[in-house]
Amino acid sequence: MRKPKELHRFYKSIPWQVAREIKIRDANGKCERCGALGEEVHHKTRLTIQNYLDTSISLNQENLELLCRKCHNEEHKRFSKSQQFDEDGNLIQR
């Protein structure tokens, strides 16, 4: 399953790029969980096709967290032996 085009466009938008840069600067470029190099700006409340236009969710700094790749993968339970994900990080239903 691929991300809907609307979400893909959102992540390419200038407002998202600005919100992302603000979060990276505020976190001094470090993972807010373990202190490693931050690489992913994570939405605490998952971004969906139903809520991506709600800026209190999509762009609100309180809903964003800078994570390293390891912490981000753990947050989404990626690479767990009991779950498998496709190339876009979506859970493969069994």
PDB file of N, CA and C in Angstrom:
ATOM      1  N   MET A   1       0.850  -1.179   0.000  1.00  0.00           N
ATOM      2  CA  MET A   1       0.000   0.000   0.000  1.00  0.00           C
ATOM      3  C   MET A   1       0.899   1.247   0.000  1.00  0.00           C
ATOM      4  N   ARG A   2       0.616   2.154  -0.886  1.00  0.00           N
ATOM      5  CA  ARG A   2       1.394   3.380  -0.997  1.00  0.00           C
ATOM      6  C   ARG A   2       0.676   4.518  -0.276  1.00  0.00           C
ATOM      7  N   LYS A   3       1.463   5.535   0.101  1.00  0.00           N
ATOM      8  CA  LYS A   3       0.857   6.722   0.704  1.00  0.00           C
ATOM      9  C   LYS A   3      -0.026   7.396  -0.331  1.00  0.00           C
ATOM     10  N   PRO A   4      -1.175   7.901   0.094  1.00  0.00           N
ATOM     11  CA  PRO A   4      -2.014   8.659  -0.848  1.00  0.00           C
ATOM     12  C   PRO A   4      -1.247   9.860  -1.393  1.00  0.00           C
ATOM     13  N   LYS A   5      -1.583  10.247  -2.623  1.00  0.00           N
ATOM     14  CA  LYS A   5      -0.881  11.378  -3.266  1.00  0.00           C
ATOM     15  C   LYS A   5      -0.961  12.649  -2.446  1.00  0.00           C
ATOM     16  N   GLU A   6      -2.086  12.847  -1.753  1.00  0.00           N
ATOM     17  CA  GLU A   6      -2.227  14.070  -0.960  1.00  0.00           C
ATOM     18  C   GLU A   6      -1.173  14.137   0.147  1.00  0.00           C
ATOM     19  N   LEU A   7      -0.915  13.018   0.807  1.00  0.00           N
ATOM     20  CA  LEU A   7       0.100  12.994   1.857  1.00  0.00           C
ATOM     21  C   LEU A   7       1.490  13.163   1.256  1.00  0.00           C
ATOM     22  N   HIS A   8       1.714  12.543   0.124  1.00  0.00           N
ATOM     23  CA  HIS A   8       3.007  12.689  -0.557  1.00  0.00           C
ATOM     24  C   HIS A   8       3.245  14.163  -0.897  1.00  0.00           C
ATOM     25  N   ARG A   9       2.220  14.829  -1.411  1.00  0.00           N
ATOM     26  CA  ARG A   9       2.341  16.258  -1.738  1.00  0.00           C
ATOM     27  C   ARG A   9       2.561  17.094  -0.479  1.00  0.00           C
ATOM     28  N   PHE A  10       1.881  16.741   0.614  1.00  0.00           N
ATOM     29  CA  PHE A  10       2.061  17.472   1.864  1.00  0.00           C
ATOM     30  C   PHE A  10       3.524  17.448   2.286  1.00  0.00           C
ATOM     31  N   TYR A  11       4.149  16.273   2.244  1.00  0.00           N
ATOM     32  CA  TYR A  11       5.538  16.151   2.682  1.00  0.00           C
ATOM     33  C   TYR A  11       6.515  16.871   1.753  1.00  0.00           C
ATOM     34  N   LYS A  12       6.076  17.272   0.588  1.00  0.00           N
ATOM     35  CA  LYS A  12       6.901  18.063  -0.330  1.00  0.00           C
ATOM     36  C   LYS A  12       6.604  19.562  -0.213  1.00  0.00           C
ATOM     37  N   SER A  13       5.607  19.929   0.580  1.00  0.00           N
ATOM     38  CA  SER A  13       5.144  21.320   0.646  1.00  0.00           C
ATOM     39  C   SER A  13       6.102  22.215   1.434  1.00  0.00           C
ATOM     40  N   ILE A  14       6.057  23.490   1.121  1.00  0.00           N
ATOM     41  CA  ILE A  14       6.881  24.476   1.834  1.00  0.00           C
ATOM     42  C   ILE A  14       6.473  24.562   3.308  1.00  0.00           C
ATOM     43  N   PRO A  15       5.169  24.598   3.659  1.00  0.00           N
ATOM     44  CA  PRO A  15       4.829  24.647   5.088  1.00  0.00           C
ATOM     45  C   PRO A  15       5.418  23.468   5.880  1.00  0.00           C
ATOM     46  N   TRP A  16       5.390  22.254   5.299  1.00  0.00           N
ATOM     47  CA  TRP A  16       5.978  21.117   5.994  1.00  0.00           C
ATOM     48  C   TRP A  16       7.491  21.280   6.103  1.00  0.00           C
ATOM     49  N   GLN A  17       8.147  21.724   5.048  1.00  0.00           N
ATOM     50  CA  GLN A  17       9.600  21.894   5.084  1.00  0.00           C
ATOM     51  C   GLN A  17       9.996  22.907   6.168  1.00  0.00           C
ATOM     52  N   VAL A  18       9.217  23.973   6.313  1.00  0.00           N
ATOM     53  CA  VAL A  18       9.495  24.986   7.332  1.00  0.00           C
ATOM     54  C   VAL A  18       9.282  24.384   8.730  1.00  0.00           C
ATOM     55  N   ALA A  19       8.150  23.703   8.945  1.00  0.00           N
ATOM     56  CA  ALA A  19       7.857  23.096  10.254  1.00  0.00           C
ATOM     57  C   ALA A  19       8.935  22.073  10.610  1.00  0.00           C
ATOM     58  N   ARG A  20       9.371  21.312   9.632  1.00  0.00           N
ATOM     59  CA  ARG A  20      10.417  20.301   9.844  1.00  0.00           C
ATOM     60  C   ARG A  20      11.730  20.961  10.264  1.00  0.00           C
ATOM     61  N   GLU A  21      12.114  22.019   9.570  1.00  0.00           N
ATOM     62  CA  GLU A  21      13.362  22.725   9.901  1.00  0.00           C
ATOM     63  C   GLU A  21      13.309  23.343  11.301  1.00  0.00           C
ATOM     64  N   ILE A  22      12.158  23.891  11.663  1.00  0.00           N
ATOM     65  CA  ILE A  22      12.005  24.461  13.003  1.00  0.00           C
ATOM     66  C   ILE A  22      12.215  23.371  14.057  1.00  0.00           C
ATOM     67  N   LYS A  23      11.605  22.201  13.863  1.00  0.00           N
ATOM     68  CA  LYS A  23      11.747  21.100  14.819  1.00  0.00           C
ATOM     69  C   LYS A  23      13.200  20.649  14.918  1.00  0.00           C
ATOM     70  N   ILE A  24      13.879  20.529  13.789  1.00  0.00           N
ATOM     71  CA  ILE A  24      15.285  20.103  13.796  1.00  0.00           C
ATOM     72  C   ILE A  24      16.138  21.109  14.566  1.00  0.00           C
ATOM     73  N   ARG A  25      15.910  22.390  14.316  1.00  0.00           N
ATOM     74  CA  ARG A  25      16.678  23.430  15.032  1.00  0.00           C
ATOM     75  C   ARG A  25      16.365  23.437  16.520  1.00  0.00           C
ATOM     76  N   ASP A  26      15.080  23.331  16.867  1.00  0.00           N
ATOM     77  CA  ASP A  26      14.690  23.345  18.282  1.00  0.00           C
ATOM     78  C   ASP A  26      15.278  22.159  19.048  1.00  0.00           C
ATOM     79  N   ALA A  27      15.457  21.033  18.357  1.00  0.00           N
ATOM     80  CA  ALA A  27      16.012  19.832  18.995  1.00  0.00           C
ATOM     81  C   ALA A  27      17.534  19.769  18.848  1.00  0.00           C
ATOM     82  N   ASN A  28      18.120  20.835  18.314  1.00  0.00           N
ATOM     83  CA  ASN A  28      19.568  20.884  18.094  1.00  0.00           C
ATOM     84  C   ASN A  28      20.070  19.707  17.262  1.00  0.00           C
ATOM     85  N   GLY A  29      19.211  19.215  16.366  1.00  0.00           N
ATOM     86  CA  GLY A  29      19.598  18.140  15.459  1.00  0.00           C
ATOM     87  C   GLY A  29      19.742  16.781  16.109  1.00  0.00           C
ATOM     88  N   LYS A  30      19.266  16.639  17.359  1.00  0.00           N
ATOM     89  CA  LYS A  30      19.447  15.375  18.083  1.00  0.00           C
ATOM     90  C   LYS A  30      18.116  14.685  18.334  1.00  0.00           C
ATOM     91  N   CYS A  31      18.169  13.378  18.296  1.00  0.00           N
ATOM     92  CA  CYS A  31      16.989  12.564  18.599  1.00  0.00           C
ATOM     93  C   CYS A  31      16.482  12.954  19.985  1.00  0.00           C
ATOM     94  N   GLU A  32      15.194  13.221  20.059  1.00  0.00           N
ATOM     95  CA  GLU A  32      14.607  13.654  21.327  1.00  0.00           C
ATOM     96  C   GLU A  32      14.381  12.498  22.295  1.00  0.00           C
ATOM     97  N   ARG A  33      14.707  11.286  21.876  1.00  0.00           N
ATOM     98  CA  ARG A  33      14.586  10.132  22.780  1.00  0.00           C
ATOM     99  C   ARG A  33      15.942   9.644  23.265  1.00  0.00           C
ATOM    100  N   CYS A  34      16.894   9.518  22.345  1.00  0.00           N
ATOM    101  CA  CYS A  34      18.171   8.909  22.747  1.00  0.00           C
ATOM    102  C   CYS A  34      19.380   9.829  22.593  1.00  0.00           C
ATOM    103  N   GLY A  35      19.214  10.981  21.933  1.00  0.00           N
ATOM    104  CA  GLY A  35      20.317  11.924  21.771  1.00  0.00           C
ATOM    105  C   GLY A  35      21.202  11.688  20.564  1.00  0.00           C
ATOM    106  N   ALA A  36      20.934  10.649  19.793  1.00  0.00           N
ATOM    107  CA  ALA A  36      21.698  10.386  18.565  1.00  0.00           C
ATOM    108  C   ALA A  36      21.334  11.434  17.505  1.00  0.00           C
ATOM    109  N   LEU A  37      21.973  11.378  16.365  1.00  0.00           N
ATOM    110  CA  LEU A  37      21.675  12.290  15.265  1.00  0.00           C
ATOM    111  C   LEU A  37      20.221  12.118  14.832  1.00  0.00           C
ATOM    112  N   GLY A  38      19.451  13.202  14.876  1.00  0.00           N
ATOM    113  CA  GLY A  38      18.049  13.161  14.462  1.00  0.00           C
ATOM    114  C   GLY A  38      17.936  13.170  12.948  1.00  0.00           C
ATOM    115  N   GLU A  39      17.140  12.271  12.414  1.00  0.00           N
ATOM    116  CA  GLU A  39      16.983  12.161  10.959  1.00  0.00           C
ATOM    117  C   GLU A  39      15.545  12.238  10.485  1.00  0.00           C
ATOM    118  N   GLU A  40      14.597  11.925  11.348  1.00  0.00           N
ATOM    119  CA  GLU A  40      13.195  11.850  10.955  1.00  0.00           C
ATOM    120  C   GLU A  40      12.353  12.734  11.863  1.00  0.00           C
ATOM    121  N   VAL A  41      11.547  13.613  11.276  1.00  0.00           N
ATOM    122  CA  VAL A  41      10.590  14.374  12.075  1.00  0.00           C
ATOM    123  C   VAL A  41       9.294  13.570  12.063  1.00  0.00           C
ATOM    124  N   HIS A  42       8.939  13.100  13.244  1.00  0.00           N
ATOM    125  CA  HIS A  42       7.831  12.165  13.438  1.00  0.00           C
ATOM    126  C   HIS A  42       6.593  12.900  13.954  1.00  0.00           C
ATOM    127  N   HIS A  43       5.423  12.543  13.418  1.00  0.00           N
ATOM    128  CA  HIS A  43       4.150  13.051  13.928  1.00  0.00           C
ATOM    129  C   HIS A  43       3.707  12.139  15.065  1.00  0.00           C
ATOM    130  N   LYS A  44       3.554  12.695  16.263  1.00  0.00           N
ATOM    131  CA  LYS A  44       3.101  11.907  17.407  1.00  0.00           C
ATOM    132  C   LYS A  44       1.694  11.383  17.158  1.00  0.00           C
ATOM    133  N   THR A  45       0.813  12.257  16.671  1.00  0.00           N
ATOM    134  CA  THR A  45      -0.499  11.821  16.193  1.00  0.00           C
ATOM    135  C   THR A  45      -0.319  11.547  14.714  1.00  0.00           C
ATOM    136  N   ARG A  46      -0.510  10.308  14.329  1.00  0.00           N
ATOM    137  CA  ARG A  46      -0.235   9.877  12.959  1.00  0.00           C
ATOM    138  C   ARG A  46      -0.968  10.737  11.935  1.00  0.00           C
ATOM    139  N   LEU A  47      -0.261  11.120  10.901  1.00  0.00           N
ATOM    140  CA  LEU A  47      -0.847  11.906   9.823  1.00  0.00           C
ATOM    141  C   LEU A  47      -1.625  10.974   8.895  1.00  0.00           C
ATOM    142  N   THR A  48      -2.860  11.344   8.613  1.00  0.00           N
ATOM    143  CA  THR A  48      -3.716  10.524   7.750  1.00  0.00           C
ATOM    144  C   THR A  48      -4.357  11.408   6.690  1.00  0.00           C
ATOM    145  N   ILE A  49      -4.988  10.783   5.751  1.00  0.00           N
ATOM    146  CA  ILE A  49      -5.707  11.517   4.702  1.00  0.00           C
ATOM    147  C   ILE A  49      -6.856  12.325   5.335  1.00  0.00           C
ATOM    148  N   GLN A  50      -7.359  11.886   6.490  1.00  0.00           N
ATOM    149  CA  GLN A  50      -8.454  12.590   7.151  1.00  0.00           C
ATOM    150  C   GLN A  50      -7.976  13.809   7.941  1.00  0.00           C
ATOM    151  N   ASN A  51      -6.699  13.840   8.386  1.00  0.00           N
ATOM    152  CA  ASN A  51      -6.288  14.930   9.267  1.00  0.00           C
ATOM    153  C   ASN A  51      -5.114  15.780   8.755  1.00  0.00           C
ATOM    154  N   TYR A  52      -4.565  15.478   7.598  1.00  0.00           N
ATOM    155  CA  TYR A  52      -3.366  16.195   7.155  1.00  0.00           C
ATOM    156  C   TYR A  52      -3.601  17.686   6.903  1.00  0.00           C
ATOM    157  N   LEU A  53      -4.833  18.092   6.651  1.00  0.00           N
ATOM    158  CA  LEU A  53      -5.123  19.519   6.448  1.00  0.00           C
ATOM    159  C   LEU A  53      -5.334  20.267   7.767  1.00  0.00           C
ATOM    160  N   ASP A  54      -5.423  19.538   8.862  1.00  0.00           N
ATOM    161  CA  ASP A  54      -5.580  20.136  10.184  1.00  0.00           C
ATOM    162  C   ASP A  54      -4.191  20.529  10.690  1.00  0.00           C
ATOM    163  N   THR A  55      -3.878  21.810  10.631  1.00  0.00           N
ATOM    164  CA  THR A  55      -2.525  22.258  10.990  1.00  0.00           C
ATOM    165  C   THR A  55      -2.193  22.038  12.461  1.00  0.00           C
ATOM    166  N   SER A  56      -3.209  21.861  13.307  1.00  0.00           N
ATOM    167  CA  SER A  56      -2.924  21.560  14.713  1.00  0.00           C
ATOM    168  C   SER A  56      -2.342  20.158  14.864  1.00  0.00           C
ATOM    169  N   ILE A  57      -2.470  19.354  13.827  1.00  0.00           N
ATOM    170  CA  ILE A  57      -1.870  18.015  13.800  1.00  0.00           C
ATOM    171  C   ILE A  57      -0.667  17.990  12.865  1.00  0.00           C
ATOM    172  N   SER A  58      -0.837  18.487  11.654  1.00  0.00           N
ATOM    173  CA  SER A  58       0.212  18.329  10.633  1.00  0.00           C
ATOM    174  C   SER A  58       1.419  19.231  10.818  1.00  0.00           C
ATOM    175  N   LEU A  59       1.241  20.440  11.335  1.00  0.00           N
ATOM    176  CA  LEU A  59       2.342  21.398  11.425  1.00  0.00           C
ATOM    177  C   LEU A  59       2.664  21.855  12.848  1.00  0.00           C
ATOM    178  N   ASN A  60       1.858  21.491  13.804  1.00  0.00           N
ATOM    179  CA  ASN A  60       2.032  21.917  15.189  1.00  0.00           C
ATOM    180  C   ASN A  60       3.319  21.326  15.773  1.00  0.00           C
ATOM    181  N   GLN A  61       4.198  22.178  16.250  1.00  0.00           N
ATOM    182  CA  GLN A  61       5.478  21.721  16.810  1.00  0.00           C
ATOM    183  C   GLN A  61       5.281  20.782  18.001  1.00  0.00           C
ATOM    184  N   GLU A  62       4.194  20.940  18.741  1.00  0.00           N
ATOM    185  CA  GLU A  62       3.930  20.056  19.882  1.00  0.00           C
ATOM    186  C   GLU A  62       3.600  18.636  19.433  1.00  0.00           C
ATOM    187  N   ASN A  63       3.203  18.469  18.183  1.00  0.00           N
ATOM    188  CA  ASN A  63       2.885  17.145  17.642  1.00  0.00           C
ATOM    189  C   ASN A  63       4.063  16.548  16.882  1.00  0.00           C
ATOM    190  N   LEU A  64       5.186  17.246  16.833  1.00  0.00           N
ATOM    191  CA  LEU A  64       6.350  16.761  16.096  1.00  0.00           C
ATOM    192  C   LEU A  64       7.451  16.362  17.058  1.00  0.00           C
ATOM    193  N   GLU A  65       8.228  15.375  16.648  1.00  0.00           N
ATOM    194  CA  GLU A  65       9.334  14.882  17.459  1.00  0.00           C
ATOM    195  C   GLU A  65      10.469  14.502  16.514  1.00  0.00           C
ATOM    196  N   LEU A  66      11.670  14.988  16.785  1.00  0.00           N
ATOM    197  CA  LEU A  66      12.831  14.612  15.979  1.00  0.00           C
ATOM    198  C   LEU A  66      13.385  13.305  16.527  1.00  0.00           C
ATOM    199  N   LEU A  67      13.483  12.311  15.641  1.00  0.00           N
ATOM    200  CA  LEU A  67      13.966  10.989  16.037  1.00  0.00           C
ATOM    201  C   LEU A  67      15.112  10.541  15.138  1.00  0.00           C
ATOM    202  N   CYS A  68      15.984   9.718  15.699  1.00  0.00           N
ATOM    203  CA  CYS A  68      16.988   9.055  14.873  1.00  0.00           C
ATOM    204  C   CYS A  68      16.268   7.933  14.116  1.00  0.00           C
ATOM    205  N   ARG A  69      16.921   7.362  13.144  1.00  0.00           N
ATOM    206  CA  ARG A  69      16.284   6.308  12.345  1.00  0.00           C
ATOM    207  C   ARG A  69      15.890   5.115  13.228  1.00  0.00           C
ATOM    208  N   LYS A  70      16.755   4.743  14.176  1.00  0.00           N
ATOM    209  CA  LYS A  70      16.482   3.584  15.033  1.00  0.00           C
ATOM    210  C   LYS A  70      15.223   3.821  15.874  1.00  0.00           C
ATOM    211  N   CYS A  71      15.140   4.975  16.531  1.00  0.00           N
ATOM    212  CA  CYS A  71      13.966   5.276  17.361  1.00  0.00           C
ATOM    213  C   CYS A  71      12.707   5.394  16.509  1.00  0.00           C
ATOM    214  N   HIS A  72      12.823   5.947  15.304  1.00  0.00           N
ATOM    215  CA  HIS A  72      11.656   6.075  14.425  1.00  0.00           C
ATOM    216  C   HIS A  72      11.175   4.695  13.992  1.00  0.00           C
ATOM    217  N   ASN A  73      12.104   3.810  13.652  1.00  0.00           N
ATOM    218  CA  ASN A  73      11.720   2.441  13.283  1.00  0.00           C
ATOM    219  C   ASN A  73      11.070   1.722  14.462  1.00  0.00           C
ATOM    220  N   GLU A  74      11.609   1.925  15.672  1.00  0.00           N
ATOM    221  CA  GLU A  74      11.010   1.307  16.856  1.00  0.00           C
ATOM    222  C   GLU A  74       9.603   1.863  17.100  1.00  0.00           C
ATOM    223  N   GLU A  75       9.427   3.165  16.916  1.00  0.00           N
ATOM    224  CA  GLU A  75       8.114   3.794  17.111  1.00  0.00           C
ATOM    225  C   GLU A  75       7.070   3.155  16.206  1.00  0.00           C
ATOM    226  N   HIS A  76       7.458   2.858  14.968  1.00  0.00           N
ATOM    227  CA  HIS A  76       6.525   2.274  13.998  1.00  0.00           C
ATOM    228  C   HIS A  76       6.606   0.753  13.975  1.00  0.00           C
ATOM    229  N   LYS A  77       7.376   0.184  14.920  1.00  0.00           N
ATOM    230  CA  LYS A  77       7.538  -1.268  15.021  1.00  0.00           C
ATOM    231  C   LYS A  77       7.998  -1.882  13.712  1.00  0.00           C
ATOM    232  N   ARG A  78       8.879  -1.179  13.024  1.00  0.00           N
ATOM    233  CA  ARG A  78       9.449  -1.695  11.779  1.00  0.00           C
ATOM    234  C   ARG A  78      10.534  -2.700  12.102  1.00  0.00           C
ATOM    235  N   PHE A  79      10.674  -3.672  11.261  1.00  0.00           N
ATOM    236  CA  PHE A  79      11.713  -4.695  11.343  1.00  0.00           C
ATOM    237  C   PHE A  79      11.536  -5.614  12.540  1.00  0.00           C
ATOM    238  N   SER A  80      10.345  -5.632  13.114  1.00  0.00           N
ATOM    239  CA  SER A  80      10.035  -6.577  14.182  1.00  0.00           C
ATOM    240  C   SER A  80       9.817  -7.937  13.528  1.00  0.00           C
ATOM    241  N   LYS A  81      10.175  -8.997  14.239  1.00  0.00           N
ATOM    242  CA  LYS A  81      10.021 -10.340  13.671  1.00  0.00           C
ATOM    243  C   LYS A  81       8.556 -10.723  13.525  1.00  0.00           C
ATOM    244  N   SER A  82       7.689 -10.130  14.348  1.00  0.00           N
ATOM    245  CA  SER A  82       6.277 -10.500  14.297  1.00  0.00           C
ATOM    246  C   SER A  82       5.488  -9.676  13.279  1.00  0.00           C
ATOM    247  N   GLN A  83       6.091  -8.593  12.770  1.00  0.00           N
ATOM    248  CA  GLN A  83       5.386  -7.752  11.807  1.00  0.00           C
ATOM    249  C   GLN A  83       6.283  -7.515  10.609  1.00  0.00           C
ATOM    250  N   GLN A  84       5.665  -7.345   9.457  1.00  0.00           N
ATOM    251  CA  GLN A  84       6.415  -7.027   8.259  1.00  0.00           C
ATOM    252  C   GLN A  84       5.811  -5.797   7.613  1.00  0.00           C
ATOM    253  N   PHE A  85       6.685  -5.006   6.959  1.00  0.00           N
ATOM    254  CA  PHE A  85       6.271  -3.765   6.337  1.00  0.00           C
ATOM    255  C   PHE A  85       6.705  -3.737   4.883  1.00  0.00           C
ATOM    256  N   ASP A  86       5.939  -3.000   4.056  1.00  0.00           N
ATOM    257  CA  ASP A  86       6.319  -2.837   2.657  1.00  0.00           C
ATOM    258  C   ASP A  86       7.373  -1.751   2.529  1.00  0.00           C
ATOM    259  N   GLU A  87       7.784  -1.447   1.286  1.00  0.00           N
ATOM    260  CA  GLU A  87       8.867  -0.486   1.058  1.00  0.00           C
ATOM    261  C   GLU A  87       8.522   0.934   1.484  1.00  0.00           C
ATOM    262  N   ASP A  88       7.228   1.225   1.721  1.00  0.00           N
ATOM    263  CA  ASP A  88       6.810   2.548   2.172  1.00  0.00           C
ATOM    264  C   ASP A  88       6.598   2.600   3.684  1.00  0.00           C
ATOM    265  N   GLY A  89       6.903   1.498   4.371  1.00  0.00           N
ATOM    266  CA  GLY A  89       6.744   1.462   5.815  1.00  0.00           C
ATOM    267  C   GLY A  89       5.337   1.132   6.286  1.00  0.00           C
ATOM    268  N   ASN A  90       4.481   0.664   5.370  1.00  0.00           N
ATOM    269  CA  ASN A  90       3.109   0.304   5.740  1.00  0.00           C
ATOM    270  C   ASN A  90       3.059  -1.154   6.199  1.00  0.00           C
ATOM    271  N   LEU A  91       2.293  -1.398   7.260  1.00  0.00           N
ATOM    272  CA  LEU A  91       2.127  -2.746   7.790  1.00  0.00           C
ATOM    273  C   LEU A  91       1.482  -3.647   6.758  1.00  0.00           C
ATOM    274  N   ILE A  92       2.072  -4.816   6.571  1.00  0.00           N
ATOM    275  CA  ILE A  92       1.482  -5.823   5.673  1.00  0.00           C
ATOM    276  C   ILE A  92       0.516  -6.645   6.506  1.00  0.00           C
ATOM    277  N   GLN A  93      -0.757  -6.583   6.144  1.00  0.00           N
ATOM    278  CA  GLN A  93      -1.798  -7.324   6.875  1.00  0.00           C
ATOM    279  C   GLN A  93      -1.688  -8.797   6.532  1.00  0.00           C
ATOM    280  N   ARG A  94      -1.847  -9.642   7.522  1.00  0.00           N
ATOM    281  CA  ARG A  94      -1.794 -11.109   7.315  1.00  0.00           C
ATOM    282  C   ARG A  94      -3.153 -11.716   7.528  1.00  0.00           C
TER     283      ARG A  94
END
